[in-house]
Amino acid sequence: MSHTERQITVGERGRVVLPSAVRAELDLKPGTRMLLSTEEDGSLRLRPYRVAAEQTRGLLRDLSGGSMVAELLTERRAEAAREDTE
């Protein structure tokens, strides 16, 4: 997917319309749930909810699976072995 910028306007009721090309590129259908985030720099980030959920699952998988768990288990086993020899 290419990075694009488009100018849009906020309507009287605070509504914005996503251009049809953007909706097509992201496969957005009527009723698609979106997640809107405000960034520290004052910008907005709008993502399909499914994309945000996939990213969150990936972060949790990285935190729970990798070397930190193995490292903790190794430390605990070493402590248990030291206790057994004392």
C-alpha atoms as a PDB file:
ATOM      1  CA  MET A   1       0.000   0.000   0.000  1.00  0.00           C
ATOM      2  CA  SER A   2       1.351   3.409  -0.904  1.00  0.00           C
ATOM      3  CA  HIS A   3       1.487   6.411   1.395  1.00  0.00           C
ATOM      4  CA  THR A   4      -0.923   9.084   0.219  1.00  0.00           C
ATOM      5  CA  GLU A   5      -2.272  12.306   1.618  1.00  0.00           C
ATOM      6  CA  ARG A   6      -5.605  13.809   0.689  1.00  0.00           C
ATOM      7  CA  GLN A   7      -7.295  16.981   1.765  1.00  0.00           C
ATOM      8  CA  ILE A   8     -10.684  16.499   3.384  1.00  0.00           C
ATOM      9  CA  THR A   9     -13.048  18.898   5.141  1.00  0.00           C
ATOM     10  CA  VAL A  10     -14.796  18.595   8.478  1.00  0.00           C
ATOM     11  CA  GLY A  11     -18.520  19.192   7.982  1.00  0.00           C
ATOM     12  CA  GLU A  12     -20.880  21.191  10.181  1.00  0.00           C
ATOM     13  CA  ARG A  13     -21.652  18.205  12.395  1.00  0.00           C
ATOM     14  CA  GLY A  14     -17.996  17.161  12.676  1.00  0.00           C
ATOM     15  CA  ARG A  15     -18.271  14.550   9.953  1.00  0.00           C
ATOM     16  CA  VAL A  16     -15.624  13.754   7.384  1.00  0.00           C
ATOM     17  CA  VAL A  17     -16.032  11.729   4.211  1.00  0.00           C
ATOM     18  CA  LEU A  18     -13.295   9.319   3.221  1.00  0.00           C
ATOM     19  CA  PRO A  19     -12.598   9.519  -0.513  1.00  0.00           C
ATOM     20  CA  SER A  20     -13.821   6.509  -2.481  1.00  0.00           C
ATOM     21  CA  ALA A  21     -10.263   5.650  -3.574  1.00  0.00           C
ATOM     22  CA  VAL A  22      -9.211   5.374   0.081  1.00  0.00           C
ATOM     23  CA  ARG A  23     -12.238   3.250   0.948  1.00  0.00           C
ATOM     24  CA  ALA A  24     -11.483   0.949  -1.971  1.00  0.00           C
ATOM     25  CA  GLU A  25      -7.762   0.701  -1.167  1.00  0.00           C
ATOM     26  CA  LEU A  26      -8.492  -0.241   2.456  1.00  0.00           C
ATOM     27  CA  ASP A  27     -11.539  -2.374   1.604  1.00  0.00           C
ATOM     28  CA  LEU A  28     -13.777  -0.258   3.846  1.00  0.00           C
ATOM     29  CA  LYS A  29     -17.451  -1.119   3.613  1.00  0.00           C
ATOM     30  CA  PRO A  30     -20.436   0.628   5.212  1.00  0.00           C
ATOM     31  CA  GLY A  31     -20.471  -0.336   8.883  1.00  0.00           C
ATOM     32  CA  THR A  32     -16.717  -0.988   9.113  1.00  0.00           C
ATOM     33  CA  ARG A  33     -15.608  -0.215  12.672  1.00  0.00           C
ATOM     34  CA  MET A  34     -12.768   2.283  12.885  1.00  0.00           C
ATOM     35  CA  LEU A  35     -10.407   3.333  15.678  1.00  0.00           C
ATOM     36  CA  LEU A  36      -9.537   7.041  15.895  1.00  0.00           C
ATOM     37  CA  SER A  37      -6.463   8.061  17.895  1.00  0.00           C
ATOM     38  CA  THR A  38      -5.133  11.498  18.687  1.00  0.00           C
ATOM     39  CA  GLU A  39      -1.363  11.681  18.492  1.00  0.00           C
ATOM     40  CA  GLU A  40       0.964  13.782  20.651  1.00  0.00           C
ATOM     41  CA  ASP A  41       1.846  15.970  17.668  1.00  0.00           C
ATOM     42  CA  GLY A  42      -1.810  16.970  17.230  1.00  0.00           C
ATOM     43  CA  SER A  43      -2.475  14.659  14.300  1.00  0.00           C
ATOM     44  CA  LEU A  44      -5.221  12.061  13.999  1.00  0.00           C
ATOM     45  CA  ARG A  45      -4.734   8.408  13.151  1.00  0.00           C
ATOM     46  CA  LEU A  46      -7.666   6.476  11.737  1.00  0.00           C
ATOM     47  CA  ARG A  47      -7.381   2.698  11.383  1.00  0.00           C
ATOM     48  CA  PRO A  48      -9.836  -0.076  10.682  1.00  0.00           C
ATOM     49  CA  TYR A  49     -10.564  -1.763  14.011  1.00  0.00           C
ATOM     50  CA  ARG A  50      -9.436  -5.135  12.629  1.00  0.00           C
ATOM     51  CA  VAL A  51      -6.004  -3.671  11.802  1.00  0.00           C
ATOM     52  CA  ALA A  52      -5.657  -2.137  15.272  1.00  0.00           C
ATOM     53  CA  ALA A  53      -6.671  -5.449  16.870  1.00  0.00           C
ATOM     54  CA  GLU A  54      -4.126  -7.383  14.777  1.00  0.00           C
ATOM     55  CA  GLN A  55      -1.385  -4.927  15.772  1.00  0.00           C
ATOM     56  CA  THR A  56      -2.323  -5.251  19.444  1.00  0.00           C
ATOM     57  CA  ARG A  57      -2.308  -9.050  19.240  1.00  0.00           C
ATOM     58  CA  GLY A  58       1.136  -8.888  17.641  1.00  0.00           C
ATOM     59  CA  LEU A  59       2.474  -6.690  20.445  1.00  0.00           C
ATOM     60  CA  LEU A  60       1.059  -8.992  23.107  1.00  0.00           C
ATOM     61  CA  ARG A  61       2.508 -12.027  21.337  1.00  0.00           C
ATOM     62  CA  ASP A  62       5.937 -10.364  21.246  1.00  0.00           C
ATOM     63  CA  LEU A  63       5.752  -9.489  24.936  1.00  0.00           C
ATOM     64  CA  SER A  64       4.528 -12.864  26.102  1.00  0.00           C
ATOM     65  CA  GLY A  65       6.420 -15.268  23.930  1.00  0.00           C
ATOM     66  CA  GLY A  66       9.985 -14.363  23.355  1.00  0.00           C
ATOM     67  CA  SER A  67      13.222 -14.377  25.180  1.00  0.00           C
ATOM     68  CA  MET A  68      11.991 -12.626  28.326  1.00  0.00           C
ATOM     69  CA  VAL A  69       9.941 -15.665  29.318  1.00  0.00           C
ATOM     70  CA  ALA A  70      12.787 -18.044  28.528  1.00  0.00           C
ATOM     71  CA  GLU A  71      15.188 -15.825  30.468  1.00  0.00           C
ATOM     72  CA  LEU A  72      12.879 -15.779  33.497  1.00  0.00           C
ATOM     73  CA  LEU A  73      12.504 -19.568  33.419  1.00  0.00           C
ATOM     74  CA  THR A  74      16.270 -19.989  33.220  1.00  0.00           C
ATOM     75  CA  GLU A  75      16.758 -17.689  36.208  1.00  0.00           C
ATOM     76  CA  ARG A  76      14.120 -19.518  38.258  1.00  0.00           C
ATOM     77  CA  ARG A  77      15.632 -22.917  37.453  1.00  0.00           C
ATOM     78  CA  ALA A  78      19.077 -21.664  38.459  1.00  0.00           C
ATOM     79  CA  GLU A  79      17.683 -20.357  41.755  1.00  0.00           C
ATOM     80  CA  ALA A  80      15.942 -23.679  42.415  1.00  0.00           C
ATOM     81  CA  ALA A  81      19.157 -25.585  41.670  1.00  0.00           C
ATOM     82  CA  ARG A  82      21.115 -23.358  44.090  1.00  0.00           C
ATOM     83  CA  GLU A  83      18.495 -23.935  46.791  1.00  0.00           C
ATOM     84  CA  ASP A  84      18.704 -27.705  46.274  1.00  0.00           C
ATOM     85  CA  THR A  85      22.482 -27.696  46.802  1.00  0.00           C
ATOM     86  CA  GLU A  86      22.334 -25.620  49.993  1.00  0.00           C
END
